[in-house]
Structures are given as C-alpha cells and as structure tokens.
Amino acid sequence: PSAPAAEGAATPAPATPAPVSAPAPTPAGDLREVRLLSTPFGAEILLDNEPVGRTPKKLALQPGRYPVRMTSDGQEVWFVINLDAQGPDTWCYKFTERQPYIGTCP
C-alpha cells in the first residue's frame, strides 16, 4: 500500500505556460497613405466605428477593407474603402450633392 503524503509536504508547482510573443509589427512599407475628403470640409470621420478626426484627413492604413462613416450638418453617409497595393488612395463625399467620388472632390 502507498504511504500517506507527509503533512506539510510540498505540492508540485503548476507548469508555467509558455510565453506568448506579441505579433510582429507591421513593416512601414505595408502601409498606404489614405486621404479622406468632403465638401464641405470638416465632416466627422469614423473608421471601423472609431473616430479618427475630421476631413480633410490623411491616415496610414494596411491594405484591406474599411467601413467609413462621415457626418456633416446632420447628414450621414456610409461607404467601404477597399485599399489594395494598386488601387485608389483618395475618397471624397460631396455632401452638397450627396455624391461619393473616388479621388479628389470636383
């Protein structure tokens, strides 16, 4: 028969989990400069539901799809920018005409 554990005997410490490394930082070369514009200037911008400022705005983003919401004088617009290595880097919304543009505002 096995002997009872001695009173006060040390209990083995639980195994320490392996350290988790942080994700590697994104190389600066993977970022694209993006410009968001509006007419009139000063529209509030939310990118992925996070406020990022007002137009005109320059942002450095990784390629991908980003939902954008702009609001100006009670008007609101939603659109998605698809940022890739070759595509456009400037988007504009002309609130006076309720018209989106890829590129600068006319």
Protein backbone atom coordinates (compact mmCIF):
# COMPACT_ATOMS: atom_id res chain seq x y z
CA PRO A 1 0.00 0.00 0.00
CA SER A 2 1.16 3.50 -0.64
CA ALA A 3 2.13 5.65 2.26
CA PRO A 4 0.03 8.70 3.03
CA ALA A 5 1.54 12.01 1.99
CA ALA A 6 3.53 13.59 4.73
CA GLU A 7 1.82 16.53 6.33
CA GLY A 8 3.35 19.79 5.11
CA ALA A 9 4.89 18.14 2.05
CA ALA A 10 5.37 20.49 -0.87
CA THR A 11 2.85 20.27 -3.67
CA PRO A 12 4.44 20.43 -7.12
CA ALA A 13 4.04 23.88 -8.69
CA PRO A 14 1.76 24.04 -11.71
CA ALA A 15 3.55 24.11 -15.02
CA THR A 16 4.29 27.64 -16.21
CA PRO A 17 2.63 28.33 -19.56
CA ALA A 18 4.97 29.09 -22.41
CA PRO A 19 5.36 32.83 -23.01
CA VAL A 20 3.26 34.21 -25.82
CA SER A 21 5.10 36.53 -28.14
CA ALA A 22 3.44 39.72 -29.36
CA PRO A 23 2.54 39.88 -33.04
CA ALA A 24 5.31 41.21 -35.22
CA PRO A 25 4.95 44.90 -36.01
CA THR A 26 3.74 45.73 -39.47
CA PRO A 27 6.55 46.93 -41.71
CA ALA A 28 6.09 50.57 -42.63
CA GLY A 29 6.30 49.57 -46.31
CA ASP A 30 2.97 47.71 -45.96
CA LEU A 31 1.12 50.90 -45.00
CA ARG A 32 -0.61 53.13 -47.55
CA GLU A 33 -1.35 56.79 -47.10
CA VAL A 34 -5.08 57.37 -47.50
CA ARG A 35 -6.87 60.71 -47.84
CA LEU A 36 -10.50 61.20 -46.87
CA LEU A 37 -12.10 64.42 -48.12
CA SER A 38 -15.51 66.04 -48.09
CA THR A 39 -17.32 69.06 -49.39
CA PRO A 40 -17.80 70.98 -47.18
CA PHE A 41 -14.64 70.28 -45.18
CA GLY A 42 -14.93 69.29 -41.54
CA ALA A 43 -17.06 66.14 -41.77
CA GLU A 44 -16.54 63.85 -38.79
CA ILE A 45 -14.95 60.52 -39.80
CA LEU A 46 -15.40 57.14 -38.15
CA LEU A 47 -13.25 54.30 -39.45
CA ASP A 48 -14.32 50.84 -38.25
CA ASN A 49 -16.66 52.70 -35.84
CA GLU A 50 -13.71 54.54 -34.25
CA PRO A 51 -13.45 58.34 -34.51
CA VAL A 52 -10.31 59.35 -36.43
CA GLY A 53 -10.87 63.08 -36.91
CA ARG A 54 -12.40 65.40 -39.47
CA THR A 55 -11.90 65.94 -43.18
CA PRO A 56 -9.52 66.53 -44.80
CA LYS A 57 -7.72 63.63 -43.14
CA LYS A 58 -4.63 61.60 -44.01
CA LEU A 59 -4.29 58.12 -42.49
CA ALA A 60 -1.68 55.37 -42.78
CA LEU A 61 -3.51 52.04 -43.22
CA GLN A 62 -2.67 48.47 -44.10
CA PRO A 63 -4.27 47.09 -47.25
CA GLY A 64 -7.78 45.81 -46.53
CA ARG A 65 -11.46 46.77 -46.41
CA TYR A 66 -12.54 49.58 -44.09
CA PRO A 67 -16.07 50.74 -43.32
CA VAL A 68 -16.20 54.55 -43.21
CA ARG A 69 -18.92 56.79 -41.81
CA MET A 70 -18.90 60.55 -42.37
CA THR A 71 -21.30 63.02 -40.82
CA SER A 72 -21.77 66.70 -41.62
CA ASP A 73 -24.59 69.07 -40.63
CA GLY A 74 -26.96 66.23 -39.75
CA GLN A 75 -26.23 64.26 -42.93
CA GLU A 76 -24.60 60.86 -42.68
CA VAL A 77 -23.02 58.60 -45.27
CA TRP A 78 -21.57 55.09 -45.05
CA PHE A 79 -19.20 53.52 -47.55
CA VAL A 80 -16.44 50.93 -47.68
CA ILE A 81 -12.96 51.63 -48.97
CA ASN A 82 -11.09 48.70 -50.45
CA LEU A 83 -7.43 49.53 -50.07
CA ASP A 84 -5.00 47.42 -52.05
CA ALA A 85 -1.49 47.89 -53.40
CA GLN A 86 -2.63 49.24 -56.79
CA GLY A 87 -6.00 50.89 -56.16
CA PRO A 88 -7.04 54.44 -55.31
CA ASP A 89 -5.85 56.17 -52.16
CA THR A 90 -8.26 59.12 -52.01
CA TRP A 91 -12.01 59.16 -51.38
CA CYS A 92 -14.35 62.13 -51.19
CA TYR A 93 -18.00 62.63 -50.34
CA LYS A 94 -19.70 65.76 -51.62
CA PHE A 95 -22.50 66.37 -49.11
CA THR A 96 -23.94 69.23 -51.17
CA GLU A 97 -24.74 66.76 -53.98
CA ARG A 98 -24.95 63.57 -51.89
CA GLN A 99 -22.39 62.09 -54.24
CA PRO A 100 -19.33 59.91 -53.47
CA TYR A 101 -16.14 60.20 -55.51
CA ILE A 102 -13.03 58.10 -55.80
CA GLY A 103 -10.29 60.68 -55.92
CA THR A 104 -10.50 64.35 -55.10
CA CYS A 105 -13.75 66.27 -54.89
CA PRO A 106 -14.63 68.03 -58.15
